[in-house]
Amino acid sequence: MADRKLDVTPQEPAEEIGGDTPAQPEEPATTPDPQPEEPAPFPPAGHRSERFDTFRPDGTRVTVTRDIDTGEQHVTEA
């Protein structure tokens, strides 16, 4: 082990980002913006769920729908 030496060769300096790089113009969008997709039904078919009405701390009445299988829940104003 005493015969092994560390390689202390100096490394090349790191290239600086954004220094002399010319700015590239952005390409114009060639396709129109996609239409928003309809959200998936909640809860998904076959999942167990529960739904109940309650109140938020500010007094707003809401309906809570909870997917029992995944724990995900949605809150909507009633």
PDB file of N, CA and C in Angstrom:
ATOM      1  N   MET A   1       0.801  -1.180   0.000  1.00  0.00           N
ATOM      2  CA  MET A   1       0.000   0.000   0.000  1.00  0.00           C
ATOM      3  C   MET A   1       0.851   1.255   0.000  1.00  0.00           C
ATOM      4  N   ALA A   2       2.003   1.178   0.546  1.00  0.00           N
ATOM      5  CA  ALA A   2       2.868   2.342   0.617  1.00  0.00           C
ATOM      6  C   ALA A   2       3.361   2.760  -0.764  1.00  0.00           C
ATOM      7  N   ASP A   3       3.313   1.842  -1.750  1.00  0.00           N
ATOM      8  CA  ASP A   3       3.808   2.147  -3.085  1.00  0.00           C
ATOM      9  C   ASP A   3       2.797   2.944  -3.911  1.00  0.00           C
ATOM     10  N   ARG A   4       1.540   3.010  -3.513  1.00  0.00           N
ATOM     11  CA  ARG A   4       0.513   3.704  -4.303  1.00  0.00           C
ATOM     12  C   ARG A   4       0.599   5.195  -4.045  1.00  0.00           C
ATOM     13  N   LYS A   5       0.518   5.992  -5.114  1.00  0.00           N
ATOM     14  CA  LYS A   5       0.547   7.437  -4.994  1.00  0.00           C
ATOM     15  C   LYS A   5      -0.769   8.012  -5.500  1.00  0.00           C
ATOM     16  N   LEU A   6      -1.158   9.107  -4.944  1.00  0.00           N
ATOM     17  CA  LEU A   6      -2.366   9.788  -5.377  1.00  0.00           C
ATOM     18  C   LEU A   6      -2.100  10.564  -6.656  1.00  0.00           C
ATOM     19  N   ASP A   7      -3.090  10.592  -7.543  1.00  0.00           N
ATOM     20  CA  ASP A   7      -2.979  11.371  -8.770  1.00  0.00           C
ATOM     21  C   ASP A   7      -3.334  12.818  -8.441  1.00  0.00           C
ATOM     22  N   VAL A   8      -2.380  13.704  -8.525  1.00  0.00           N
ATOM     23  CA  VAL A   8      -2.607  15.109  -8.201  1.00  0.00           C
ATOM     24  C   VAL A   8      -2.521  15.983  -9.444  1.00  0.00           C
ATOM     25  N   THR A   9      -2.830  15.417 -10.614  1.00  0.00           N
ATOM     26  CA  THR A   9      -2.816  16.170 -11.856  1.00  0.00           C
ATOM     27  C   THR A   9      -3.892  17.246 -11.795  1.00  0.00           C
ATOM     28  N   PRO A  10      -3.555  18.506 -12.099  1.00  0.00           N
ATOM     29  CA  PRO A  10      -4.575  19.552 -12.052  1.00  0.00           C
ATOM     30  C   PRO A  10      -5.659  19.303 -13.102  1.00  0.00           C
ATOM     31  N   GLN A  11      -6.883  19.583 -12.731  1.00  0.00           N
ATOM     32  CA  GLN A  11      -8.017  19.389 -13.620  1.00  0.00           C
ATOM     33  C   GLN A  11      -8.236  20.649 -14.452  1.00  0.00           C
ATOM     34  N   GLU A  12      -8.924  20.480 -15.588  1.00  0.00           N
ATOM     35  CA  GLU A  12      -9.254  21.635 -16.416  1.00  0.00           C
ATOM     36  C   GLU A  12     -10.271  22.492 -15.668  1.00  0.00           C
ATOM     37  N   PRO A  13     -10.207  23.807 -15.844  1.00  0.00           N
ATOM     38  CA  PRO A  13     -11.185  24.655 -15.145  1.00  0.00           C
ATOM     39  C   PRO A  13     -12.594  24.379 -15.652  1.00  0.00           C
ATOM     40  N   ALA A  14     -13.546  24.502 -14.752  1.00  0.00           N
ATOM     41  CA  ALA A  14     -14.944  24.262 -15.110  1.00  0.00           C
ATOM     42  C   ALA A  14     -15.425  25.350 -16.061  1.00  0.00           C
ATOM     43  N   GLU A  15     -16.267  24.963 -17.005  1.00  0.00           N
ATOM     44  CA  GLU A  15     -16.814  25.926 -17.964  1.00  0.00           C
ATOM     45  C   GLU A  15     -17.920  26.716 -17.283  1.00  0.00           C
ATOM     46  N   GLU A  16     -17.859  28.032 -17.388  1.00  0.00           N
ATOM     47  CA  GLU A  16     -18.877  28.858 -16.771  1.00  0.00           C
ATOM     48  C   GLU A  16     -20.112  28.876 -17.648  1.00  0.00           C
ATOM     49  N   ILE A  17     -21.248  28.788 -16.996  1.00  0.00           N
ATOM     50  CA  ILE A  17     -22.519  28.756 -17.725  1.00  0.00           C
ATOM     51  C   ILE A  17     -23.011  30.173 -17.922  1.00  0.00           C
ATOM     52  N   GLY A  18     -23.408  30.499 -19.143  1.00  0.00           N
ATOM     53  CA  GLY A  18     -24.007  31.791 -19.428  1.00  0.00           C
ATOM     54  C   GLY A  18     -23.006  32.911 -19.591  1.00  0.00           C
ATOM     55  N   GLY A  19     -21.742  32.660 -19.548  1.00  0.00           N
ATOM     56  CA  GLY A  19     -20.736  33.700 -19.674  1.00  0.00           C
ATOM     57  C   GLY A  19     -20.714  34.305 -21.059  1.00  0.00           C
ATOM     58  N   ASP A  20     -20.131  33.594 -22.031  1.00  0.00           N
ATOM     59  CA  ASP A  20     -20.044  34.128 -23.391  1.00  0.00           C
ATOM     60  C   ASP A  20     -20.975  33.390 -24.344  1.00  0.00           C
ATOM     61  N   THR A  21     -21.886  32.615 -23.852  1.00  0.00           N
ATOM     62  CA  THR A  21     -22.802  31.893 -24.726  1.00  0.00           C
ATOM     63  C   THR A  21     -23.829  32.863 -25.293  1.00  0.00           C
ATOM     64  N   PRO A  22     -23.915  32.962 -26.626  1.00  0.00           N
ATOM     65  CA  PRO A  22     -24.910  33.869 -27.203  1.00  0.00           C
ATOM     66  C   PRO A  22     -26.322  33.360 -26.909  1.00  0.00           C
ATOM     67  N   ALA A  23     -27.229  34.274 -26.659  1.00  0.00           N
ATOM     68  CA  ALA A  23     -28.609  33.898 -26.356  1.00  0.00           C
ATOM     69  C   ALA A  23     -29.274  33.337 -27.603  1.00  0.00           C
ATOM     70  N   GLN A  24     -29.937  32.220 -27.450  1.00  0.00           N
ATOM     71  CA  GLN A  24     -30.650  31.598 -28.557  1.00  0.00           C
ATOM     72  C   GLN A  24     -32.086  32.098 -28.562  1.00  0.00           C
ATOM     73  N   PRO A  25     -32.595  32.520 -29.711  1.00  0.00           N
ATOM     74  CA  PRO A  25     -34.002  32.951 -29.753  1.00  0.00           C
ATOM     75  C   PRO A  25     -34.924  31.762 -29.524  1.00  0.00           C
ATOM     76  N   GLU A  26     -36.025  32.031 -28.841  1.00  0.00           N
ATOM     77  CA  GLU A  26     -36.983  30.950 -28.591  1.00  0.00           C
ATOM     78  C   GLU A  26     -37.732  30.632 -29.873  1.00  0.00           C
ATOM     79  N   GLU A  27     -37.974  29.338 -30.072  1.00  0.00           N
ATOM     80  CA  GLU A  27     -38.720  28.925 -31.255  1.00  0.00           C
ATOM     81  C   GLU A  27     -40.200  29.170 -31.018  1.00  0.00           C
ATOM     82  N   PRO A  28     -40.891  29.692 -32.018  1.00  0.00           N
ATOM     83  CA  PRO A  28     -42.334  29.906 -31.843  1.00  0.00           C
ATOM     84  C   PRO A  28     -43.061  28.570 -31.745  1.00  0.00           C
ATOM     85  N   ALA A  29     -44.139  28.573 -30.998  1.00  0.00           N
ATOM     86  CA  ALA A  29     -44.930  27.352 -30.839  1.00  0.00           C
ATOM     87  C   ALA A  29     -45.545  26.986 -32.186  1.00  0.00           C
ATOM     88  N   THR A  30     -45.373  25.734 -32.574  1.00  0.00           N
ATOM     89  CA  THR A  30     -45.897  25.302 -33.858  1.00  0.00           C
ATOM     90  C   THR A  30     -47.253  24.622 -33.726  1.00  0.00           C
ATOM     91  N   THR A  31     -47.613  24.226 -32.510  1.00  0.00           N
ATOM     92  CA  THR A  31     -48.907  23.588 -32.310  1.00  0.00           C
ATOM     93  C   THR A  31     -49.725  24.436 -31.339  1.00  0.00           C
ATOM     94  N   PRO A  32     -51.031  24.461 -31.514  1.00  0.00           N
ATOM     95  CA  PRO A  32     -51.855  25.229 -30.575  1.00  0.00           C
ATOM     96  C   PRO A  32     -51.841  24.580 -29.200  1.00  0.00           C
ATOM     97  N   ASP A  33     -52.140  25.373 -28.185  1.00  0.00           N
ATOM     98  CA  ASP A  33     -52.192  24.837 -26.825  1.00  0.00           C
ATOM     99  C   ASP A  33     -53.229  23.728 -26.751  1.00  0.00           C
ATOM    100  N   PRO A  34     -52.883  22.619 -26.113  1.00  0.00           N
ATOM    101  CA  PRO A  34     -53.848  21.516 -26.020  1.00  0.00           C
ATOM    102  C   PRO A  34     -55.025  21.905 -25.127  1.00  0.00           C
ATOM    103  N   GLN A  35     -56.168  21.342 -25.425  1.00  0.00           N
ATOM    104  CA  GLN A  35     -57.354  21.586 -24.624  1.00  0.00           C
ATOM    105  C   GLN A  35     -57.205  20.864 -23.295  1.00  0.00           C
ATOM    106  N   PRO A  36     -57.656  21.474 -22.207  1.00  0.00           N
ATOM    107  CA  PRO A  36     -57.545  20.786 -20.919  1.00  0.00           C
ATOM    108  C   PRO A  36     -58.399  19.521 -20.913  1.00  0.00           C
ATOM    109  N   GLU A  37     -57.830  18.476 -20.342  1.00  0.00           N
ATOM    110  CA  GLU A  37     -58.547  17.209 -20.287  1.00  0.00           C
ATOM    111  C   GLU A  37     -59.543  17.237 -19.136  1.00  0.00           C
ATOM    112  N   GLU A  38     -60.619  16.499 -19.307  1.00  0.00           N
ATOM    113  CA  GLU A  38     -61.594  16.402 -18.225  1.00  0.00           C
ATOM    114  C   GLU A  38     -60.973  15.581 -17.102  1.00  0.00           C
ATOM    115  N   PRO A  39     -61.176  15.999 -15.871  1.00  0.00           N
ATOM    116  CA  PRO A  39     -60.587  15.241 -14.774  1.00  0.00           C
ATOM    117  C   PRO A  39     -61.198  13.844 -14.684  1.00  0.00           C
ATOM    118  N   ALA A  40     -60.390  12.912 -14.207  1.00  0.00           N
ATOM    119  CA  ALA A  40     -60.864  11.542 -14.039  1.00  0.00           C
ATOM    120  C   ALA A  40     -61.929  11.522 -12.949  1.00  0.00           C
ATOM    121  N   PRO A  41     -62.869  10.603 -13.054  1.00  0.00           N
ATOM    122  CA  PRO A  41     -63.898  10.543 -12.010  1.00  0.00           C
ATOM    123  C   PRO A  41     -63.277  10.200 -10.668  1.00  0.00           C
ATOM    124  N   PHE A  42     -63.864  10.780  -9.629  1.00  0.00           N
ATOM    125  CA  PHE A  42     -63.347  10.503  -8.280  1.00  0.00           C
ATOM    126  C   PHE A  42     -64.475   9.985  -7.434  1.00  0.00           C
ATOM    127  N   PRO A  43     -64.288   8.934  -6.729  1.00  0.00           N
ATOM    128  CA  PRO A  43     -63.165   8.003  -6.759  1.00  0.00           C
ATOM    129  C   PRO A  43     -63.255   7.110  -7.992  1.00  0.00           C
ATOM    130  N   PRO A  44     -62.146   6.507  -8.410  1.00  0.00           N
ATOM    131  CA  PRO A  44     -62.164   5.629  -9.577  1.00  0.00           C
ATOM    132  C   PRO A  44     -63.115   4.452  -9.365  1.00  0.00           C
ATOM    133  N   ALA A  45     -63.640   3.953 -10.451  1.00  0.00           N
ATOM    134  CA  ALA A  45     -64.573   2.823 -10.384  1.00  0.00           C
ATOM    135  C   ALA A  45     -63.925   1.648  -9.657  1.00  0.00           C
ATOM    136  N   GLY A  46     -64.668   1.024  -8.777  1.00  0.00           N
ATOM    137  CA  GLY A  46     -64.178  -0.136  -8.039  1.00  0.00           C
ATOM    138  C   GLY A  46     -63.539   0.205  -6.711  1.00  0.00           C
ATOM    139  N   HIS A  47     -63.283   1.482  -6.438  1.00  0.00           N
ATOM    140  CA  HIS A  47     -62.697   1.876  -5.148  1.00  0.00           C
ATOM    141  C   HIS A  47     -63.802   2.101  -4.124  1.00  0.00           C
ATOM    142  N   ARG A  48     -63.504   1.779  -2.888  1.00  0.00           N
ATOM    143  CA  ARG A  48     -64.448   2.056  -1.816  1.00  0.00           C
ATOM    144  C   ARG A  48     -64.323   3.528  -1.446  1.00  0.00           C
ATOM    145  N   SER A  49     -65.454   4.167  -1.134  1.00  0.00           N
ATOM    146  CA  SER A  49     -65.402   5.584  -0.802  1.00  0.00           C
ATOM    147  C   SER A  49     -66.448   5.920   0.241  1.00  0.00           C
ATOM    148  N   GLU A  50     -66.259   7.093   0.849  1.00  0.00           N
ATOM    149  CA  GLU A  50     -67.243   7.611   1.781  1.00  0.00           C
ATOM    150  C   GLU A  50     -67.425   9.087   1.480  1.00  0.00           C
ATOM    151  N   ARG A  51     -68.624   9.598   1.775  1.00  0.00           N
ATOM    152  CA  ARG A  51     -68.942  10.993   1.520  1.00  0.00           C
ATOM    153  C   ARG A  51     -69.715  11.521   2.719  1.00  0.00           C
ATOM    154  N   PHE A  52     -69.332  12.711   3.192  1.00  0.00           N
ATOM    155  CA  PHE A  52     -70.054  13.307   4.315  1.00  0.00           C
ATOM    156  C   PHE A  52     -69.982  14.824   4.239  1.00  0.00           C
ATOM    157  N   ASP A  53     -70.961  15.476   4.835  1.00  0.00           N
ATOM    158  CA  ASP A  53     -71.011  16.931   4.901  1.00  0.00           C
ATOM    159  C   ASP A  53     -70.447  17.373   6.241  1.00  0.00           C
ATOM    160  N   THR A  54     -69.734  18.490   6.216  1.00  0.00           N
ATOM    161  CA  THR A  54     -69.174  19.062   7.441  1.00  0.00           C
ATOM    162  C   THR A  54     -68.976  20.550   7.220  1.00  0.00           C
ATOM    163  N   PHE A  55     -68.329  21.220   8.169  1.00  0.00           N
ATOM    164  CA  PHE A  55     -68.094  22.654   8.076  1.00  0.00           C
ATOM    165  C   PHE A  55     -66.610  22.948   8.203  1.00  0.00           C
ATOM    166  N   ARG A  56     -66.134  23.915   7.424  1.00  0.00           N
ATOM    167  CA  ARG A  56     -64.764  24.402   7.555  1.00  0.00           C
ATOM    168  C   ARG A  56     -64.692  25.267   8.809  1.00  0.00           C
ATOM    169  N   PRO A  57     -63.473  25.561   9.281  1.00  0.00           N
ATOM    170  CA  PRO A  57     -63.340  26.416  10.467  1.00  0.00           C
ATOM    171  C   PRO A  57     -63.988  27.799  10.297  1.00  0.00           C
ATOM    172  N   ASP A  58     -64.081  28.285   9.040  1.00  0.00           N
ATOM    173  CA  ASP A  58     -64.699  29.596   8.825  1.00  0.00           C
ATOM    174  C   ASP A  58     -66.223  29.515   8.716  1.00  0.00           C
ATOM    175  N   GLY A  59     -66.799  28.309   8.877  1.00  0.00           N
ATOM    176  CA  GLY A  59     -68.246  28.138   8.859  1.00  0.00           C
ATOM    177  C   GLY A  59     -68.827  27.736   7.517  1.00  0.00           C
ATOM    178  N   THR A  60     -68.003  27.610   6.467  1.00  0.00           N
ATOM    179  CA  THR A  60     -68.479  27.217   5.147  1.00  0.00           C
ATOM    180  C   THR A  60     -68.844  25.736   5.152  1.00  0.00           C
ATOM    181  N   ARG A  61     -70.033  25.409   4.648  1.00  0.00           N
ATOM    182  CA  ARG A  61     -70.468  24.010   4.573  1.00  0.00           C
ATOM    183  C   ARG A  61     -69.790  23.350   3.368  1.00  0.00           C
ATOM    184  N   VAL A  62     -69.191  22.179   3.577  1.00  0.00           N
ATOM    185  CA  VAL A  62     -68.483  21.465   2.517  1.00  0.00           C
ATOM    186  C   VAL A  62     -68.880  19.990   2.517  1.00  0.00           C
ATOM    187  N   THR A  63     -68.650  19.346   1.376  1.00  0.00           N
ATOM    188  CA  THR A  63     -68.830  17.906   1.249  1.00  0.00           C
ATOM    189  C   THR A  63     -67.452  17.292   1.047  1.00  0.00           C
ATOM    190  N   VAL A  64     -67.113  16.306   1.850  1.00  0.00           N
ATOM    191  CA  VAL A  64     -65.836  15.604   1.761  1.00  0.00           C
ATOM    192  C   VAL A  64     -66.095  14.244   1.138  1.00  0.00           C
ATOM    193  N   THR A  65     -65.363  13.931   0.069  1.00  0.00           N
ATOM    194  CA  THR A  65     -65.423  12.616  -0.557  1.00  0.00           C
ATOM    195  C   THR A  65     -64.050  11.998  -0.395  1.00  0.00           C
ATOM    196  N   ARG A  66     -63.975  10.852   0.268  1.00  0.00           N
ATOM    197  CA  ARG A  66     -62.699  10.215   0.578  1.00  0.00           C
ATOM    198  C   ARG A  66     -62.638   8.836  -0.059  1.00  0.00           C
ATOM    199  N   ASP A  67     -61.537   8.561  -0.755  1.00  0.00           N
ATOM    200  CA  ASP A  67     -61.270   7.243  -1.330  1.00  0.00           C
ATOM    201  C   ASP A  67     -60.646   6.410  -0.221  1.00  0.00           C
ATOM    202  N   ILE A  68     -61.358   5.418   0.259  1.00  0.00           N
ATOM    203  CA  ILE A  68     -60.886   4.609   1.378  1.00  0.00           C
ATOM    204  C   ILE A  68     -59.660   3.787   0.991  1.00  0.00           C
ATOM    205  N   ASP A  69     -59.577   3.369  -0.270  1.00  0.00           N
ATOM    206  CA  ASP A  69     -58.465   2.523  -0.702  1.00  0.00           C
ATOM    207  C   ASP A  69     -57.140   3.280  -0.781  1.00  0.00           C
ATOM    208  N   THR A  70     -57.156   4.549  -1.210  1.00  0.00           N
ATOM    209  CA  THR A  70     -55.911   5.301  -1.385  1.00  0.00           C
ATOM    210  C   THR A  70     -55.714   6.395  -0.336  1.00  0.00           C
ATOM    211  N   GLY A  71     -56.783   6.806   0.354  1.00  0.00           N
ATOM    212  CA  GLY A  71     -56.682   7.872   1.335  1.00  0.00           C
ATOM    213  C   GLY A  71     -56.842   9.257   0.737  1.00  0.00           C
ATOM    214  N   GLU A  72     -56.920   9.358  -0.583  1.00  0.00           N
ATOM    215  CA  GLU A  72     -57.083  10.646  -1.238  1.00  0.00           C
ATOM    216  C   GLU A  72     -58.479  11.186  -0.951  1.00  0.00           C
ATOM    217  N   GLN A  73     -58.590  12.501  -0.804  1.00  0.00           N
ATOM    218  CA  GLN A  73     -59.912  13.078  -0.552  1.00  0.00           C
ATOM    219  C   GLN A  73     -60.082  14.373  -1.321  1.00  0.00           C
ATOM    220  N   HIS A  74     -61.327  14.667  -1.682  1.00  0.00           N
ATOM    221  CA  HIS A  74     -61.688  15.907  -2.351  1.00  0.00           C
ATOM    222  C   HIS A  74     -62.699  16.630  -1.482  1.00  0.00           C
ATOM    223  N   VAL A  75     -62.532  17.938  -1.376  1.00  0.00           N
ATOM    224  CA  VAL A  75     -63.453  18.777  -0.591  1.00  0.00           C
ATOM    225  C   VAL A  75     -64.105  19.758  -1.549  1.00  0.00           C
ATOM    226  N   THR A  76     -65.432  19.774  -1.575  1.00  0.00           N
ATOM    227  CA  THR A  76     -66.168  20.711  -2.424  1.00  0.00           C
ATOM    228  C   THR A  76     -67.168  21.467  -1.568  1.00  0.00           C
ATOM    229  N   GLU A  77     -67.413  22.728  -1.928  1.00  0.00           N
ATOM    230  CA  GLU A  77     -68.400  23.491  -1.185  1.00  0.00           C
ATOM    231  C   GLU A  77     -69.779  22.925  -1.483  1.00  0.00           C
ATOM    232  N   ALA A  78     -70.584  22.752  -0.437  1.00  0.00           N
ATOM    233  CA  ALA A  78     -71.910  22.158  -0.584  1.00  0.00           C
ATOM    234  C   ALA A  78     -72.924  23.214  -0.960  1.00  0.00           C
TER     235      ALA A  78
END
